[in-house]
Amino acid sequence: IYAVLLHNSELILKKKGNEIYNSLKFAKKIGLISKFGYSIYSFSNLTRLCQKYRPDIIQCPYNIFDRRLVKKNRIKYMKKNKIEIHVRSIFLQGLLLMHSKSIPNYFEKWENLFSKWHIWLLKNKFEPLQSCLNFVFKTKGIDKIVIGVNDLNQLKQIFKIKTQKKIIIPKNIQSSDKNLLYPSLW
């Protein structure tokens, strides 16, 4: 097994944290797994988590709307500590790929943000898939990208995308609102 990631990284900071951590280290030592790490949603305990129970991998969300990974020197911190960075949710569960009329009513609160995104795409003559992928590809320090697809055609579209020069998405096309960035709250 290449890696085991704890889905709820907060568990390791609780009562049985040492036991969980030591079990992961032992599994790695005897060759059951090559690496272990944590899948995080929030960056609030990142430093504490990495200092107390240093992982090999941190998997986290990163996309055009959710740029928390690149703030506060987080990438530099993880690279300095030899922690792989795996990003997920690069399409924000597909929302960034949707036509504006297809976005569910729940997201009306962020209509202005989606509007800025769609206007920027039109103005620059970019496709959403191309922009989302290039945004992540051009971010230095990311080791792996986790991508979900619904069918073979979507996978083929992803493989056809060509990387471009760095795409600069305006800073006003992002959010820190958990109700938008955390799919578990939808």
N, C-alpha and C. Protein backbone atom coordinates (compact mmCIF):
# COMPACT_ATOMS: atom_id res chain seq x y z
N ILE A 1 0.86 -1.17 0.00
CA ILE A 1 0.00 0.00 0.00
C ILE A 1 0.90 1.22 0.00
N TYR A 2 0.62 2.12 -0.96
CA TYR A 2 1.44 3.32 -1.05
C TYR A 2 1.27 4.20 0.19
N ALA A 3 0.01 4.50 0.53
CA ALA A 3 -0.20 5.41 1.65
C ALA A 3 -1.54 5.16 2.33
N VAL A 4 -1.55 5.43 3.61
CA VAL A 4 -2.78 5.44 4.40
C VAL A 4 -2.96 6.87 4.87
N LEU A 5 -4.14 7.43 4.58
CA LEU A 5 -4.45 8.78 5.03
C LEU A 5 -5.60 8.73 6.03
N LEU A 6 -5.43 9.37 7.14
CA LEU A 6 -6.52 9.47 8.10
C LEU A 6 -7.51 10.51 7.58
N HIS A 7 -8.75 10.09 7.43
CA HIS A 7 -9.77 10.98 6.89
C HIS A 7 -10.10 12.09 7.88
N ASN A 8 -10.15 11.76 9.16
CA ASN A 8 -10.42 12.75 10.19
C ASN A 8 -9.14 12.98 10.98
N SER A 9 -8.35 13.93 10.53
CA SER A 9 -7.05 14.17 11.15
C SER A 9 -7.16 14.66 12.59
N GLU A 10 -8.30 15.19 12.96
CA GLU A 10 -8.49 15.68 14.33
C GLU A 10 -8.41 14.54 15.35
N LEU A 11 -8.70 13.31 14.91
CA LEU A 11 -8.65 12.16 15.83
C LEU A 11 -7.27 11.97 16.44
N ILE A 12 -6.25 12.24 15.65
CA ILE A 12 -4.89 12.01 16.15
C ILE A 12 -4.50 13.05 17.21
N LEU A 13 -5.20 14.15 17.27
CA LEU A 13 -4.91 15.17 18.28
C LEU A 13 -5.70 14.93 19.56
N LYS A 14 -6.44 13.83 19.61
CA LYS A 14 -7.24 13.51 20.79
C LYS A 14 -6.58 12.43 21.63
N LYS A 15 -7.36 11.85 22.52
CA LYS A 15 -6.89 10.91 23.54
C LYS A 15 -6.01 9.77 23.00
N LYS A 16 -6.38 9.14 21.92
CA LYS A 16 -5.65 7.97 21.41
C LYS A 16 -4.65 8.35 20.31
N GLY A 17 -4.29 9.61 20.22
CA GLY A 17 -3.39 10.08 19.18
C GLY A 17 -2.07 9.35 19.13
N ASN A 18 -1.41 9.17 20.28
CA ASN A 18 -0.12 8.47 20.31
C ASN A 18 -0.26 7.05 19.80
N GLU A 19 -1.33 6.39 20.20
CA GLU A 19 -1.55 5.01 19.78
C GLU A 19 -1.75 4.91 18.25
N ILE A 20 -2.53 5.82 17.71
CA ILE A 20 -2.77 5.84 16.26
C ILE A 20 -1.47 6.12 15.52
N TYR A 21 -0.75 7.13 15.97
CA TYR A 21 0.51 7.52 15.32
C TYR A 21 1.53 6.38 15.36
N ASN A 22 1.68 5.78 16.53
CA ASN A 22 2.65 4.68 16.66
C ASN A 22 2.26 3.49 15.79
N SER A 23 0.96 3.24 15.64
CA SER A 23 0.51 2.15 14.76
C SER A 23 0.85 2.44 13.31
N LEU A 24 0.67 3.69 12.89
CA LEU A 24 1.01 4.07 11.52
C LEU A 24 2.52 3.96 11.29
N LYS A 25 3.30 4.43 12.25
CA LYS A 25 4.76 4.33 12.12
C LYS A 25 5.21 2.87 12.07
N PHE A 26 4.57 2.01 12.87
CA PHE A 26 4.92 0.59 12.88
C PHE A 26 4.57 -0.05 11.53
N ALA A 27 3.39 0.25 11.00
CA ALA A 27 2.97 -0.30 9.70
C ALA A 27 3.97 0.11 8.61
N LYS A 28 4.47 1.32 8.72
CA LYS A 28 5.47 1.79 7.76
C LYS A 28 6.80 1.06 7.98
N LYS A 29 7.20 0.92 9.21
CA LYS A 29 8.47 0.27 9.55
C LYS A 29 8.54 -1.17 9.04
N ILE A 30 7.42 -1.89 9.14
CA ILE A 30 7.44 -3.30 8.72
C ILE A 30 7.06 -3.48 7.25
N GLY A 31 6.84 -2.37 6.56
CA GLY A 31 6.62 -2.43 5.12
C GLY A 31 5.19 -2.67 4.66
N LEU A 32 4.22 -2.57 5.56
CA LEU A 32 2.82 -2.70 5.14
C LEU A 32 2.38 -1.50 4.31
N ILE A 33 2.92 -0.35 4.66
CA ILE A 33 2.62 0.89 3.93
C ILE A 33 3.94 1.61 3.66
N SER A 34 3.95 2.40 2.61
CA SER A 34 5.15 3.20 2.32
C SER A 34 5.10 4.55 3.04
N LYS A 35 3.89 5.08 3.15
CA LYS A 35 3.73 6.42 3.73
C LYS A 35 2.40 6.50 4.46
N PHE A 36 2.29 7.52 5.31
CA PHE A 36 1.00 7.81 5.94
C PHE A 36 0.84 9.32 6.06
N GLY A 37 -0.39 9.71 6.23
CA GLY A 37 -0.64 11.13 6.35
C GLY A 37 -2.07 11.43 6.74
N TYR A 38 -2.43 12.68 6.53
CA TYR A 38 -3.73 13.17 6.99
C TYR A 38 -4.44 13.90 5.87
N SER A 39 -5.71 13.66 5.78
CA SER A 39 -6.57 14.40 4.87
C SER A 39 -7.22 15.50 5.70
N ILE A 40 -6.93 16.73 5.37
CA ILE A 40 -7.42 17.85 6.18
C ILE A 40 -8.43 18.70 5.40
N TYR A 41 -9.28 19.37 6.14
CA TYR A 41 -10.24 20.33 5.57
C TYR A 41 -9.86 21.73 6.01
N SER A 42 -9.39 21.82 7.24
CA SER A 42 -9.02 23.10 7.82
C SER A 42 -7.51 23.11 8.04
N PHE A 43 -6.92 24.28 7.94
CA PHE A 43 -5.48 24.42 8.15
C PHE A 43 -5.17 24.91 9.56
N SER A 44 -6.18 25.03 10.40
CA SER A 44 -6.00 25.63 11.72
C SER A 44 -5.03 24.86 12.62
N ASN A 45 -5.01 23.53 12.50
CA ASN A 45 -4.11 22.74 13.35
C ASN A 45 -2.93 22.14 12.57
N LEU A 46 -2.67 22.65 11.39
CA LEU A 46 -1.63 22.05 10.54
C LEU A 46 -0.27 22.00 11.23
N THR A 47 0.20 23.10 11.76
CA THR A 47 1.52 23.13 12.39
C THR A 47 1.55 22.21 13.59
N ARG A 48 0.55 22.30 14.44
CA ARG A 48 0.49 21.44 15.63
C ARG A 48 0.48 19.96 15.24
N LEU A 49 -0.31 19.63 14.25
CA LEU A 49 -0.43 18.25 13.76
C LEU A 49 0.91 17.75 13.23
N CYS A 50 1.57 18.57 12.43
CA CYS A 50 2.84 18.16 11.82
C CYS A 50 3.98 18.11 12.82
N GLN A 51 3.95 18.95 13.83
CA GLN A 51 5.02 18.94 14.83
C GLN A 51 4.87 17.76 15.78
N LYS A 52 3.67 17.47 16.18
CA LYS A 52 3.44 16.39 17.15
C LYS A 52 3.43 15.01 16.50
N TYR A 53 2.81 14.90 15.33
CA TYR A 53 2.65 13.61 14.65
C TYR A 53 3.01 13.77 13.18
N ARG A 54 4.29 14.00 12.91
CA ARG A 54 4.74 14.32 11.55
C ARG A 54 4.32 13.27 10.53
N PRO A 55 3.56 13.71 9.52
CA PRO A 55 3.13 12.78 8.46
C PRO A 55 4.10 12.82 7.28
N ASP A 56 3.91 11.88 6.37
CA ASP A 56 4.63 11.90 5.10
C ASP A 56 3.84 12.71 4.08
N ILE A 57 2.51 12.75 4.26
CA ILE A 57 1.62 13.37 3.28
C ILE A 57 0.55 14.20 3.99
N ILE A 58 0.26 15.34 3.41
CA ILE A 58 -0.94 16.10 3.78
C ILE A 58 -1.77 16.21 2.51
N GLN A 59 -3.02 15.77 2.60
CA GLN A 59 -3.95 15.94 1.48
C GLN A 59 -4.94 17.02 1.88
N CYS A 60 -5.13 18.00 1.00
CA CYS A 60 -5.97 19.14 1.35
C CYS A 60 -6.68 19.70 0.12
N PRO A 61 -7.74 20.47 0.35
CA PRO A 61 -8.41 21.11 -0.78
C PRO A 61 -7.59 22.27 -1.32
N TYR A 62 -7.68 22.45 -2.64
CA TYR A 62 -7.02 23.59 -3.27
C TYR A 62 -7.66 23.81 -4.62
N ASN A 63 -8.17 25.01 -4.82
CA ASN A 63 -8.77 25.35 -6.10
C ASN A 63 -8.82 26.86 -6.22
N ILE A 64 -9.38 27.32 -7.30
CA ILE A 64 -9.43 28.75 -7.59
C ILE A 64 -10.15 29.54 -6.50
N PHE A 65 -11.22 28.99 -5.95
CA PHE A 65 -11.94 29.67 -4.86
C PHE A 65 -11.26 29.46 -3.51
N ASP A 66 -10.60 28.33 -3.32
CA ASP A 66 -10.02 27.96 -2.02
C ASP A 66 -8.50 27.94 -2.12
N ARG A 67 -7.90 29.05 -1.72
CA ARG A 67 -6.45 29.19 -1.85
C ARG A 67 -5.73 29.19 -0.51
N ARG A 68 -6.36 28.60 0.49
CA ARG A 68 -5.76 28.60 1.83
C ARG A 68 -4.39 27.92 1.87
N LEU A 69 -4.18 26.93 1.01
CA LEU A 69 -2.91 26.21 0.98
C LEU A 69 -1.73 27.14 0.73
N VAL A 70 -1.89 28.14 -0.11
CA VAL A 70 -0.76 28.99 -0.48
C VAL A 70 -0.58 30.19 0.46
N LYS A 71 -1.40 30.27 1.47
CA LYS A 71 -1.28 31.38 2.42
C LYS A 71 -0.38 30.99 3.59
N LYS A 72 0.16 31.96 4.25
CA LYS A 72 0.96 31.79 5.46
C LYS A 72 2.13 30.82 5.29
N ASN A 73 2.72 30.78 4.12
CA ASN A 73 3.89 29.94 3.84
C ASN A 73 3.66 28.45 4.13
N ARG A 74 2.44 27.99 3.96
CA ARG A 74 2.13 26.59 4.26
C ARG A 74 2.90 25.62 3.37
N ILE A 75 2.99 25.92 2.08
CA ILE A 75 3.72 25.02 1.18
C ILE A 75 5.19 24.99 1.59
N LYS A 76 5.77 26.14 1.83
CA LYS A 76 7.18 26.21 2.23
C LYS A 76 7.41 25.41 3.52
N TYR A 77 6.50 25.54 4.47
CA TYR A 77 6.61 24.82 5.74
C TYR A 77 6.60 23.30 5.51
N MET A 78 5.67 22.83 4.67
CA MET A 78 5.57 21.39 4.43
C MET A 78 6.79 20.88 3.65
N LYS A 79 7.25 21.64 2.68
CA LYS A 79 8.42 21.22 1.91
C LYS A 79 9.66 21.16 2.81
N LYS A 80 9.80 22.15 3.67
CA LYS A 80 10.93 22.17 4.61
C LYS A 80 10.92 20.92 5.50
N ASN A 81 9.73 20.44 5.83
CA ASN A 81 9.57 19.27 6.69
C ASN A 81 9.40 17.97 5.90
N LYS A 82 9.69 18.03 4.59
CA LYS A 82 9.62 16.86 3.70
C LYS A 82 8.27 16.16 3.74
N ILE A 83 7.21 16.95 3.71
CA ILE A 83 5.85 16.44 3.68
C ILE A 83 5.30 16.62 2.28
N GLU A 84 4.85 15.52 1.67
CA GLU A 84 4.23 15.60 0.35
C GLU A 84 2.91 16.33 0.44
N ILE A 85 2.60 17.09 -0.59
CA ILE A 85 1.33 17.81 -0.65
C ILE A 85 0.49 17.21 -1.78
N HIS A 86 -0.64 16.66 -1.39
CA HIS A 86 -1.60 16.12 -2.35
C HIS A 86 -2.84 17.00 -2.27
N VAL A 87 -3.28 17.52 -3.40
CA VAL A 87 -4.46 18.39 -3.38
C VAL A 87 -5.67 17.68 -3.99
N ARG A 88 -6.82 18.05 -3.49
CA ARG A 88 -8.09 17.50 -3.98
C ARG A 88 -9.07 18.65 -4.13
N SER A 89 -10.23 18.34 -4.64
CA SER A 89 -11.31 19.31 -4.80
C SER A 89 -10.89 20.47 -5.71
N ILE A 90 -10.10 20.15 -6.74
CA ILE A 90 -9.60 21.22 -7.60
C ILE A 90 -10.70 21.83 -8.47
N PHE A 91 -11.82 21.13 -8.58
CA PHE A 91 -12.98 21.66 -9.32
C PHE A 91 -14.09 22.08 -8.35
N LEU A 92 -13.80 22.07 -7.06
CA LEU A 92 -14.77 22.36 -6.00
C LEU A 92 -16.04 21.53 -6.21
N GLN A 93 -15.83 20.22 -6.23
CA GLN A 93 -16.91 19.24 -6.44
C GLN A 93 -17.67 19.50 -7.75
N GLY A 94 -16.99 20.04 -8.74
CA GLY A 94 -17.58 20.28 -10.05
C GLY A 94 -18.20 21.65 -10.22
N LEU A 95 -18.34 22.41 -9.14
CA LEU A 95 -18.99 23.73 -9.22
C LEU A 95 -18.25 24.69 -10.17
N LEU A 96 -16.93 24.63 -10.16
CA LEU A 96 -16.15 25.54 -10.99
C LEU A 96 -16.25 25.20 -12.48
N LEU A 97 -16.78 24.02 -12.79
CA LEU A 97 -16.92 23.61 -14.18
C LEU A 97 -18.33 23.86 -14.72
N MET A 98 -19.25 24.16 -13.82
CA MET A 98 -20.65 24.32 -14.22
C MET A 98 -20.93 25.65 -14.91
N HIS A 99 -21.87 25.60 -15.83
CA HIS A 99 -22.40 26.82 -16.43
C HIS A 99 -23.16 27.56 -15.33
N SER A 100 -23.16 28.87 -15.37
CA SER A 100 -23.77 29.66 -14.29
C SER A 100 -25.24 29.29 -14.04
N LYS A 101 -25.97 28.91 -15.08
CA LYS A 101 -27.39 28.57 -14.90
C LYS A 101 -27.59 27.18 -14.28
N SER A 102 -26.53 26.38 -14.22
CA SER A 102 -26.63 25.03 -13.67
C SER A 102 -26.26 24.95 -12.18
N ILE A 103 -25.73 26.02 -11.64
CA ILE A 103 -25.29 26.01 -10.24
C ILE A 103 -26.53 25.95 -9.33
N PRO A 104 -26.56 24.98 -8.40
CA PRO A 104 -27.72 24.82 -7.52
C PRO A 104 -28.04 26.08 -6.71
N ASN A 105 -29.30 26.22 -6.34
CA ASN A 105 -29.78 27.39 -5.61
C ASN A 105 -29.05 27.64 -4.29
N TYR A 106 -28.56 26.58 -3.67
CA TYR A 106 -27.84 26.73 -2.40
C TYR A 106 -26.72 27.76 -2.52
N PHE A 107 -26.14 27.88 -3.68
CA PHE A 107 -24.96 28.72 -3.88
C PHE A 107 -25.29 30.15 -4.30
N GLU A 108 -26.56 30.54 -4.25
CA GLU A 108 -26.96 31.91 -4.61
C GLU A 108 -26.24 32.95 -3.77
N LYS A 109 -25.95 32.61 -2.53
CA LYS A 109 -25.26 33.53 -1.62
C LYS A 109 -23.92 33.99 -2.21
N TRP A 110 -23.32 33.15 -3.04
CA TRP A 110 -22.01 33.45 -3.63
C TRP A 110 -22.14 33.77 -5.12
N GLU A 111 -23.30 34.22 -5.52
CA GLU A 111 -23.55 34.53 -6.94
C GLU A 111 -22.54 35.53 -7.49
N ASN A 112 -22.17 36.51 -6.70
CA ASN A 112 -21.20 37.51 -7.13
C ASN A 112 -19.84 36.87 -7.43
N LEU A 113 -19.42 35.95 -6.59
CA LEU A 113 -18.15 35.26 -6.79
C LEU A 113 -18.18 34.41 -8.06
N PHE A 114 -19.26 33.65 -8.23
CA PHE A 114 -19.39 32.83 -9.44
C PHE A 114 -19.46 33.72 -10.69
N SER A 115 -20.11 34.85 -10.56
CA SER A 115 -20.21 35.78 -11.68
C SER A 115 -18.82 36.30 -12.07
N LYS A 116 -18.01 36.67 -11.10
CA LYS A 116 -16.64 37.13 -11.38
C LYS A 116 -15.84 36.03 -12.09
N TRP A 117 -16.03 34.79 -11.64
CA TRP A 117 -15.34 33.65 -12.24
C TRP A 117 -15.75 33.49 -13.70
N HIS A 118 -17.04 33.49 -13.96
CA HIS A 118 -17.53 33.29 -15.33
C HIS A 118 -17.16 34.47 -16.26
N ILE A 119 -17.19 35.67 -15.72
CA ILE A 119 -16.79 36.84 -16.52
C ILE A 119 -15.31 36.76 -16.86
N TRP A 120 -14.48 36.37 -15.89
CA TRP A 120 -13.05 36.24 -16.14
C TRP A 120 -12.78 35.19 -17.22
N LEU A 121 -13.49 34.06 -17.16
CA LEU A 121 -13.33 33.02 -18.18
C LEU A 121 -13.67 33.55 -19.57
N LEU A 122 -14.80 34.25 -19.67
CA LEU A 122 -15.22 34.80 -20.97
C LEU A 122 -14.22 35.83 -21.49
N LYS A 123 -13.84 36.73 -20.62
CA LYS A 123 -12.92 37.80 -20.99
C LYS A 123 -11.58 37.25 -21.50
N ASN A 124 -11.11 36.18 -20.88
CA ASN A 124 -9.81 35.60 -21.24
C ASN A 124 -9.91 34.44 -22.22
N LYS A 125 -11.14 34.11 -22.62
CA LYS A 125 -11.38 33.02 -23.57
C LYS A 125 -10.79 31.68 -23.09
N PHE A 126 -11.02 31.40 -21.81
CA PHE A 126 -10.56 30.15 -21.22
C PHE A 126 -11.76 29.25 -20.94
N GLU A 127 -11.51 27.97 -20.99
CA GLU A 127 -12.49 26.98 -20.56
C GLU A 127 -12.29 26.72 -19.07
N PRO A 128 -13.37 26.44 -18.33
CA PRO A 128 -13.21 26.21 -16.89
C PRO A 128 -12.28 25.05 -16.54
N LEU A 129 -12.41 23.93 -17.25
CA LEU A 129 -11.56 22.76 -16.97
C LEU A 129 -10.09 23.11 -17.15
N GLN A 130 -9.78 23.74 -18.26
CA GLN A 130 -8.42 24.15 -18.57
C GLN A 130 -7.88 25.09 -17.49
N SER A 131 -8.69 26.03 -17.08
CA SER A 131 -8.26 27.02 -16.08
C SER A 131 -8.02 26.38 -14.72
N CYS A 132 -8.93 25.52 -14.30
CA CYS A 132 -8.78 24.86 -12.99
C CYS A 132 -7.52 23.99 -12.95
N LEU A 133 -7.32 23.22 -14.01
CA LEU A 133 -6.15 22.34 -14.05
C LEU A 133 -4.85 23.14 -14.12
N ASN A 134 -4.80 24.13 -14.98
CA ASN A 134 -3.58 24.93 -15.10
C ASN A 134 -3.27 25.70 -13.83
N PHE A 135 -4.30 26.17 -13.15
CA PHE A 135 -4.11 26.87 -11.88
C PHE A 135 -3.36 25.98 -10.89
N VAL A 136 -3.77 24.71 -10.81
CA VAL A 136 -3.14 23.78 -9.88
C VAL A 136 -1.78 23.32 -10.40
N PHE A 137 -1.68 22.99 -11.71
CA PHE A 137 -0.41 22.54 -12.28
C PHE A 137 0.70 23.56 -12.08
N LYS A 138 0.35 24.82 -12.13
CA LYS A 138 1.37 25.88 -12.07
C LYS A 138 1.70 26.33 -10.64
N THR A 139 1.09 25.69 -9.65
CA THR A 139 1.40 26.02 -8.26
C THR A 139 2.59 25.17 -7.81
N LYS A 140 3.69 25.81 -7.52
CA LYS A 140 4.90 25.10 -7.14
C LYS A 140 4.73 24.45 -5.76
N GLY A 141 5.23 23.23 -5.66
CA GLY A 141 5.23 22.53 -4.38
C GLY A 141 4.19 21.43 -4.26
N ILE A 142 3.24 21.39 -5.17
CA ILE A 142 2.21 20.34 -5.12
C ILE A 142 2.80 19.08 -5.73
N ASP A 143 2.68 17.98 -5.00
CA ASP A 143 3.25 16.71 -5.45
C ASP A 143 2.27 15.85 -6.23
N LYS A 144 1.03 15.80 -5.80
CA LYS A 144 0.02 14.95 -6.44
C LYS A 144 -1.31 15.70 -6.46
N ILE A 145 -2.11 15.33 -7.46
CA ILE A 145 -3.45 15.91 -7.59
C ILE A 145 -4.45 14.75 -7.62
N VAL A 146 -5.45 14.83 -6.76
CA VAL A 146 -6.51 13.83 -6.72
C VAL A 146 -7.69 14.40 -7.51
N ILE A 147 -8.09 13.67 -8.54
CA ILE A 147 -9.18 14.15 -9.40
C ILE A 147 -10.28 13.11 -9.45
N GLY A 148 -11.50 13.56 -9.28
CA GLY A 148 -12.65 12.68 -9.40
C GLY A 148 -13.34 12.92 -10.73
N VAL A 149 -13.80 11.83 -11.35
CA VAL A 149 -14.54 11.94 -12.60
C VAL A 149 -15.80 11.08 -12.51
N ASN A 150 -16.78 11.43 -13.32
CA ASN A 150 -18.03 10.66 -13.36
C ASN A 150 -18.02 9.58 -14.44
N ASP A 151 -17.19 9.80 -15.47
CA ASP A 151 -17.18 8.81 -16.56
C ASP A 151 -15.89 8.92 -17.36
N LEU A 152 -15.73 8.02 -18.30
CA LEU A 152 -14.52 7.96 -19.12
C LEU A 152 -14.33 9.22 -19.96
N ASN A 153 -15.41 9.79 -20.45
CA ASN A 153 -15.30 11.01 -21.25
C ASN A 153 -14.67 12.16 -20.47
N GLN A 154 -15.06 12.29 -19.20
CA GLN A 154 -14.45 13.35 -18.38
C GLN A 154 -12.96 13.11 -18.21
N LEU A 155 -12.57 11.87 -18.00
CA LEU A 155 -11.16 11.54 -17.85
C LEU A 155 -10.39 11.87 -19.14
N LYS A 156 -10.98 11.54 -20.27
CA LYS A 156 -10.34 11.84 -21.56
C LYS A 156 -10.18 13.35 -21.75
N GLN A 157 -11.19 14.12 -21.35
CA GLN A 157 -11.09 15.59 -21.45
C GLN A 157 -9.91 16.12 -20.62
N ILE A 158 -9.76 15.57 -19.43
CA ILE A 158 -8.68 16.00 -18.54
C ILE A 158 -7.32 15.72 -19.19
N PHE A 159 -7.18 14.54 -19.79
CA PHE A 159 -5.89 14.19 -20.41
C PHE A 159 -5.59 15.02 -21.65
N LYS A 160 -6.59 15.62 -22.25
CA LYS A 160 -6.38 16.45 -23.45
C LYS A 160 -5.92 17.87 -23.11
N ILE A 161 -6.07 18.27 -21.88
CA ILE A 161 -5.72 19.64 -21.49
C ILE A 161 -4.22 19.86 -21.61
N LYS A 162 -3.87 20.94 -22.22
CA LYS A 162 -2.47 21.33 -22.36
C LYS A 162 -2.16 22.40 -21.33
N THR A 163 -1.01 22.27 -20.72
CA THR A 163 -0.63 23.31 -19.76
C THR A 163 -0.21 24.56 -20.52
N GLN A 164 -0.44 25.67 -19.89
CA GLN A 164 -0.12 26.96 -20.49
C GLN A 164 0.84 27.70 -19.58
N LYS A 165 1.15 28.89 -20.01
CA LYS A 165 1.88 29.77 -19.11
C LYS A 165 1.01 29.93 -17.87
N LYS A 166 1.62 30.41 -16.83
CA LYS A 166 0.90 30.57 -15.58
C LYS A 166 -0.35 31.41 -15.78
N ILE A 167 -1.47 30.84 -15.36
CA ILE A 167 -2.73 31.56 -15.41
C ILE A 167 -2.83 32.37 -14.12
N ILE A 168 -3.06 33.64 -14.25
CA ILE A 168 -3.19 34.48 -13.07
C ILE A 168 -4.66 34.80 -12.87
N ILE A 169 -5.21 34.18 -11.85
CA ILE A 169 -6.62 34.40 -11.50
C ILE A 169 -6.65 35.57 -10.51
N PRO A 170 -7.49 36.55 -10.76
CA PRO A 170 -7.55 37.70 -9.84
C PRO A 170 -7.82 37.28 -8.39
N LYS A 171 -7.24 38.03 -7.49
CA LYS A 171 -7.38 37.72 -6.06
C LYS A 171 -8.82 37.85 -5.57
N ASN A 172 -9.64 38.59 -6.29
CA ASN A 172 -11.03 38.75 -5.84
C ASN A 172 -11.90 37.55 -6.24
N ILE A 173 -11.30 36.56 -6.90
CA ILE A 173 -12.03 35.35 -7.24
C ILE A 173 -11.56 34.24 -6.28
N GLN A 174 -11.89 34.42 -5.01
CA GLN A 174 -11.61 33.42 -3.99
C GLN A 174 -12.48 33.71 -2.78
N SER A 175 -12.53 32.74 -1.89
CA SER A 175 -13.38 32.87 -0.71
C SER A 175 -12.73 32.18 0.47
N SER A 176 -13.13 32.59 1.66
CA SER A 176 -12.72 31.89 2.87
C SER A 176 -13.95 31.38 3.62
N ASP A 177 -15.10 31.45 2.98
CA ASP A 177 -16.36 31.05 3.61
C ASP A 177 -16.47 29.53 3.65
N LYS A 178 -16.46 28.99 4.85
CA LYS A 178 -16.55 27.53 5.04
C LYS A 178 -17.81 26.95 4.42
N ASN A 179 -18.88 27.71 4.43
CA ASN A 179 -20.14 27.20 3.88
C ASN A 179 -20.07 26.98 2.38
N LEU A 180 -19.12 27.59 1.74
CA LEU A 180 -18.87 27.36 0.32
C LEU A 180 -17.77 26.33 0.12
N LEU A 181 -16.71 26.41 0.90
CA LEU A 181 -15.51 25.61 0.68
C LEU A 181 -15.57 24.20 1.26
N TYR A 182 -16.47 23.95 2.19
CA TYR A 182 -16.57 22.64 2.82
C TYR A 182 -17.80 21.90 2.28
N PRO A 183 -17.62 21.01 1.31
CA PRO A 183 -18.76 20.29 0.74
C PRO A 183 -19.62 19.55 1.78
N SER A 184 -19.01 19.17 2.89
CA SER A 184 -19.78 18.47 3.93
C SER A 184 -20.85 19.36 4.54
N LEU A 185 -20.76 20.68 4.34
CA LEU A 185 -21.75 21.62 4.88
C LEU A 185 -22.86 21.94 3.89
N TRP A 186 -22.76 21.42 2.66
CA TRP A 186 -23.77 21.75 1.65
C TRP A 186 -25.07 21.04 1.91
